[in-house]
Protein backbone atom coordinates (compact mmCIF):
# COMPACT_ATOMS: atom_id res chain seq x y z
CA MET A 1 -0.07 -0.06 -0.02
CA ASP A 2 1.50 3.35 -0.98
CA SER A 3 1.76 6.37 1.31
CA SER A 4 -1.23 8.11 -0.05
CA ASN A 5 -3.49 5.23 0.58
CA LEU A 6 -2.21 4.92 4.18
CA VAL A 7 -3.00 8.59 4.78
CA ILE A 8 -6.63 8.17 3.58
CA LEU A 9 -7.00 4.92 5.63
CA PHE A 10 -5.54 6.57 8.78
CA SER A 11 -7.74 9.80 8.53
CA PHE A 12 -10.96 7.79 8.06
CA SER A 13 -10.09 5.36 10.91
CA TYR A 14 -9.24 8.37 13.21
CA PHE A 15 -12.59 9.86 12.42
CA LEU A 16 -14.42 6.61 13.30
CA LEU A 17 -12.48 6.02 16.54
CA HIS A 18 -13.16 9.54 17.81
CA LEU A 19 -16.81 9.44 17.53
CA PRO A 20 -17.76 6.58 20.01
CA ALA A 21 -21.11 8.06 20.83
CA LEU A 22 -22.22 8.09 17.26
CA THR A 23 -20.98 4.66 16.42
CA THR A 24 -22.61 3.00 19.46
CA ALA A 25 -26.02 4.91 19.25
CA GLN A 26 -26.42 5.71 15.69
CA PRO A 27 -30.02 7.00 14.78
CA ASP A 28 -31.67 5.39 11.93
CA PHE A 29 -32.47 7.22 8.88
CA ASP A 30 -36.21 8.24 8.34
CA ASP A 31 -35.95 6.76 4.88
CA TYR A 32 -33.08 5.80 2.49
CA SER A 33 -32.42 4.24 -0.96
CA CYS A 34 -29.08 2.37 -1.62
CA ASP A 35 -29.40 2.35 -5.52
CA TYR A 36 -31.76 5.04 -6.88
CA TYR A 37 -30.53 5.42 -10.42
CA ASN A 38 -30.28 2.64 -13.15
CA ASN A 39 -28.72 0.03 -10.72
CA VAL A 40 -25.22 1.33 -10.68
CA GLY A 41 -24.05 -1.51 -8.66
CA ASN A 42 -21.52 -2.42 -6.03
CA TYR A 43 -17.91 -1.47 -5.40
CA THR A 44 -15.49 -4.14 -4.10
CA THR A 45 -13.68 -3.94 -0.67
CA ASN A 46 -10.38 -2.17 -0.72
CA SER A 47 -11.05 -0.80 -4.31
CA THR A 48 -10.11 2.70 -5.43
CA PHE A 49 -13.75 3.60 -5.24
CA GLN A 50 -13.89 2.57 -1.69
CA ARG A 51 -10.69 4.49 -0.81
CA ASN A 52 -12.03 7.58 -2.63
CA LEU A 53 -15.38 7.22 -0.66
CA ASN A 54 -13.67 6.90 2.64
CA SER A 55 -11.41 10.00 1.88
CA LEU A 56 -14.48 11.96 0.86
CA LEU A 57 -16.60 11.09 3.91
CA SER A 58 -13.65 11.83 6.28
CA SER A 59 -13.34 15.25 4.61
CA LEU A 60 -17.03 16.02 5.06
CA ALA A 61 -16.82 14.93 8.75
CA SER A 62 -13.85 17.11 9.48
CA ASN A 63 -15.03 20.22 7.72
CA THR A 64 -15.59 23.06 10.15
CA GLN A 65 -15.50 25.95 7.61
CA ILE A 66 -18.93 25.58 6.05
CA ASP A 67 -21.41 27.66 7.98
CA TYR A 68 -24.47 27.61 5.64
CA GLY A 69 -25.41 23.86 5.85
CA PHE A 70 -24.60 22.66 2.28
CA TYR A 71 -21.59 20.44 1.60
CA ASN A 72 -20.64 19.26 -1.95
CA LEU A 73 -17.32 17.41 -2.59
CA SER A 74 -15.69 15.11 -5.14
CA VAL A 75 -12.65 12.78 -4.71
CA GLY A 76 -10.88 10.81 -7.37
CA GLU A 77 -10.82 10.55 -11.02
CA ILE A 78 -13.42 9.11 -13.49
CA PRO A 79 -14.49 6.18 -13.52
CA GLU A 80 -13.62 5.85 -9.75
CA ARG A 81 -14.62 9.45 -8.72
CA VAL A 82 -17.14 9.79 -5.89
CA ASN A 83 -19.40 12.77 -5.65
CA ALA A 84 -21.33 13.68 -2.49
CA ILE A 85 -23.84 16.23 -1.18
CA ALA A 86 -24.95 16.83 2.33
CA LEU A 87 -27.61 19.34 3.18
CA CYS A 88 -29.00 20.48 6.49
CA ARG A 89 -32.44 22.15 6.96
CA GLY A 90 -31.94 25.91 6.54
CA ASP A 91 -32.90 26.80 10.05
CA VAL A 92 -30.43 24.38 11.74
CA ALA A 93 -27.54 25.89 13.71
CA VAL A 94 -23.91 25.19 12.45
CA ASP A 95 -22.83 22.94 15.29
CA ALA A 96 -26.03 20.80 15.13
CA CYS A 97 -25.71 20.65 11.40
CA GLN A 98 -22.16 19.26 11.77
CA ARG A 99 -23.35 16.61 14.23
CA PHE A 100 -26.30 15.62 11.85
CA VAL A 101 -23.73 15.31 8.91
CA ASN A 102 -21.51 13.09 10.96
CA ASN A 103 -24.45 10.89 11.91
CA SER A 104 -25.59 10.55 8.31
CA ILE A 105 -21.94 9.55 7.11
CA LEU A 106 -21.80 6.67 9.64
CA GLU A 107 -25.41 5.56 8.93
CA ILE A 108 -25.08 5.60 5.21
CA LEU A 109 -22.24 3.24 5.32
CA GLN A 110 -24.14 0.93 7.60
CA VAL A 111 -27.37 0.73 5.64
CA CYS A 112 -25.86 0.82 2.18
CA PRO A 113 -22.57 -1.23 2.40
CA ASN A 114 -20.51 -1.43 -0.72
CA ARG A 115 -23.06 0.45 -2.80
CA MET A 116 -21.73 2.98 -5.39
CA GLU A 117 -24.82 5.24 -4.81
CA ALA A 118 -26.82 5.96 -1.79
CA PHE A 119 -29.36 8.61 -0.39
CA GLY A 120 -30.39 8.89 3.29
CA VAL A 121 -32.83 11.29 4.86
CA TYR A 122 -33.23 12.55 8.50
CA GLU A 123 -35.65 15.10 9.65
CA LEU A 124 -32.91 17.88 9.77
CA CYS A 125 -30.33 16.54 7.35
CA MET A 126 -29.88 14.54 4.16
CA ILE A 127 -26.80 12.95 2.48
CA ARG A 128 -26.19 11.27 -0.92
CA TYR A 129 -23.23 10.13 -2.83
CA SER A 130 -22.73 8.68 -6.31
CA ASN A 131 -20.19 7.78 -8.94
CA ARG A 132 -22.33 10.01 -11.33
CA SER A 133 -22.16 13.72 -11.68
CA ILE A 134 -24.71 15.08 -9.31
CA PHE A 135 -23.75 18.86 -8.88
CA GLY A 136 -26.21 21.19 -10.58
CA VAL A 137 -28.22 18.20 -11.69
CA LEU A 138 -31.93 17.99 -10.90
CA GLU A 139 -32.57 14.63 -9.28
CA GLU A 140 -36.17 13.76 -8.81
CA ARG A 141 -36.00 10.16 -7.62
CA PRO A 142 -36.49 8.39 -5.44
CA SER A 143 -39.39 10.23 -3.74
CA MET A 144 -39.88 9.74 -0.08
CA ASP A 145 -43.05 10.62 1.83
CA MET A 146 -43.94 10.45 5.51
CA ALA A 147 -47.40 11.43 6.76
CA ASN A 148 -48.55 11.71 10.32
CA GLY A 149 -51.59 12.59 12.44
CA PRO A 150 -55.35 12.67 12.01
CA LYS A 151 -57.29 14.53 9.34
CA VAL A 152 -57.47 18.18 9.44
CA LEU A 153 -60.71 19.89 10.66
CA ASP A 154 -61.71 21.78 7.48
CA VAL A 155 -60.27 19.99 4.44
CA ASN A 156 -61.35 22.68 1.89
CA LEU A 157 -60.10 25.55 4.02
CA PHE A 158 -56.87 23.84 4.82
CA ASN A 159 -56.11 22.87 1.33
CA GLN A 160 -56.69 26.43 0.17
CA ALA A 161 -54.32 27.78 2.80
CA LEU A 162 -51.69 25.08 1.94
CA GLN A 163 -51.81 26.01 -1.83
CA THR A 164 -51.37 29.73 -0.96
CA LEU A 165 -48.54 29.04 1.52
CA LEU A 166 -46.56 26.67 -0.78
CA ALA A 167 -46.78 29.06 -3.68
CA ARG A 168 -45.45 31.80 -1.66
CA LEU A 169 -42.68 29.72 -0.21
CA GLN A 170 -41.73 28.39 -3.60
CA GLY A 171 -41.01 31.93 -4.83
CA ARG A 172 -38.83 32.70 -1.81
CA ALA A 173 -36.82 29.46 -2.05
CA THR A 174 -36.19 29.42 -5.82
CA SER A 175 -34.86 33.05 -5.69
CA GLY A 176 -32.23 32.08 -3.08
CA ASN A 177 -28.53 32.12 -3.85
CA SER A 178 -25.90 29.46 -4.30
CA LEU A 179 -25.59 29.10 -0.47
CA ARG A 180 -29.18 28.58 0.46
CA LYS A 181 -32.62 27.91 -1.22
CA PHE A 182 -34.81 27.66 1.75
CA ALA A 183 -38.18 29.29 2.98
CA THR A 184 -40.51 28.91 5.91
CA GLY A 185 -43.90 30.43 6.71
CA ASN A 186 -47.34 29.94 7.94
CA GLN A 187 -51.02 30.59 6.84
CA SER A 188 -54.21 30.63 8.73
CA ALA A 189 -56.75 27.87 7.88
CA GLY A 190 -59.71 28.74 10.02
CA PHE A 191 -59.33 27.19 13.45
CA GLU A 192 -56.06 25.65 12.32
CA THR A 193 -52.75 27.30 11.05
CA VAL A 194 -50.55 25.41 8.55
CA TYR A 195 -46.83 25.79 8.93
CA ALA A 196 -44.48 24.86 6.18
CA LEU A 197 -40.98 24.81 4.65
CA VAL A 198 -39.61 24.15 1.31
CA GLN A 199 -35.89 23.68 0.29
CA CYS A 200 -33.65 22.93 -2.56
CA THR A 201 -30.12 22.09 -2.78
CA PRO A 202 -28.46 25.41 -3.58
CA ASP A 203 -26.54 24.11 -6.52
CA LEU A 204 -29.72 24.06 -8.55
CA SER A 205 -30.75 26.94 -10.84
CA GLU A 206 -33.99 28.85 -10.05
CA GLN A 207 -35.76 26.96 -12.81
CA GLN A 208 -34.49 23.54 -11.51
CA CYS A 209 -35.55 24.34 -7.95
CA SER A 210 -39.01 25.32 -9.17
CA SER A 211 -39.41 22.26 -11.25
CA CYS A 212 -38.45 20.05 -8.29
CA LEU A 213 -40.92 21.67 -5.86
CA LEU A 214 -43.64 21.51 -8.33
CA GLY A 215 -43.03 17.83 -8.60
CA LEU A 216 -43.51 17.48 -4.81
CA PHE A 217 -46.66 19.64 -5.08
CA ARG A 218 -48.02 17.12 -7.67
CA MET A 219 -47.33 14.27 -5.29
CA ILE A 220 -49.72 15.95 -2.78
CA THR A 221 -52.56 15.98 -5.33
CA SER A 222 -52.02 12.52 -6.49
CA ASP A 223 -52.16 10.84 -3.03
CA GLY A 224 -55.66 10.95 -1.64
CA ASN A 225 -54.51 10.14 1.85
CA MET A 226 -51.77 12.77 2.04
CA GLN A 227 -54.12 15.60 1.22
CA TRP A 228 -55.93 15.28 4.62
CA LYS A 229 -53.12 14.89 6.92
CA ILE A 230 -52.09 17.50 9.51
CA GLY A 231 -48.42 16.74 8.88
CA VAL A 232 -46.52 15.54 5.78
CA ARG A 233 -42.85 15.34 4.76
CA LEU A 234 -41.74 14.88 1.19
CA ALA A 235 -38.13 14.43 0.07
CA ARG A 236 -36.23 13.98 -3.17
CA PRO A 237 -32.46 14.21 -3.56
CA SER A 238 -32.85 17.73 -4.96
CA CYS A 239 -35.62 19.23 -2.77
CA ASN A 240 -37.88 18.63 0.10
CA LEU A 241 -40.90 20.07 1.94
CA ARG A 242 -42.87 19.75 5.05
CA TRP A 243 -46.04 21.02 6.68
CA GLU A 244 -47.57 20.70 10.03
CA THR A 245 -50.52 22.36 11.94
CA GLY A 246 -47.97 23.33 14.69
CA SER A 247 -44.77 25.34 14.48
CA PHE A 248 -41.78 23.05 13.86
CA PHE A 249 -39.08 25.35 12.60
CA ASN A 250 -36.87 28.08 13.94
CA VAL A 251 -37.97 31.56 12.83
CA THR A 252 -35.73 32.77 9.94
CA PRO A 253 -35.78 36.22 8.09
CA GLU A 254 -37.90 34.57 5.28
CA THR A 255 -40.78 34.03 7.67
CA LEU A 256 -41.23 37.61 8.59
CA PRO A 257 -43.47 39.21 7.36
CA PRO A 258 -45.30 37.02 4.92
CA PRO A 259 -46.80 38.53 1.66
CA THR A 260 -50.39 39.16 1.74
CA GLN A 261 -51.34 37.72 -1.55
CA ALA A 262 -50.18 34.75 -3.70
CA SER A 263 -51.49 32.68 -6.54
CA PRO A 264 -52.36 29.11 -5.83
CA ILE A 265 -50.20 26.43 -7.08
CA SER A 266 -51.14 24.35 -10.03
CA PRO A 267 -52.65 21.85 -10.30
CA PRO A 268 -55.24 22.76 -7.59
CA VAL A 269 -55.62 20.48 -4.59
CA ALA A 270 -58.62 18.19 -4.73
CA GLN A 271 -61.74 19.41 -2.75
CA GLY A 272 -63.88 17.44 -0.30
CA ARG A 273 -63.13 14.36 1.76
CA PRO A 274 -62.36 11.03 0.11
């Protein structure tokens, strides 16, 4: 083994050994996929791809310079290059974000051993890596959805409020910069209030971000059960959204004050109970 490989192996081993709490009590992903694009396959143990992956994950774990919650890194040369993205929710503090990224690094290796492509989602963080080019690329699969709670009190009123809120947040998020495309807000729905956030990976263009979010909006209309829930999370590699009837995010500058008018998203949410 040459000296460069020894350095990579030592650095990643050092990272693992100095995170005992994470390695012994690792939280599970809310959802994950180990091969979400055309069955890219496995890498072999001790291969160049594995060494590049270990080096990349070690670099992500040790990075203390990024303070805006978006990590993107490549290691190696084609065809053994590894590309990775980690994204924290836009309202997460820097130190907490770094902990979540470290959690996701260890978990992705456990749930997707020897896979050349993987995508994992926590509530406050997501991670993915691939041997394909993924930076600035709109990735709309896989789609992950998590719904909770009973039905809302007034379906029609709630859906109208949700449409208005998501349209408003879509405009705010897509107009973000290369560091952050994230927006939060709330909207009255009679006796209830709907709180929501939307987010894209900030390497996307405004048009790509908008397209990704519209894809999630269409998921809402196509799932009869999802439309009536008080809480829903939707995630794709390039974007995510969440809504609840209670506040779940930290107040950010995007939240205050909300615009007074917004056009509803298209297509409209179905009316009436199923």
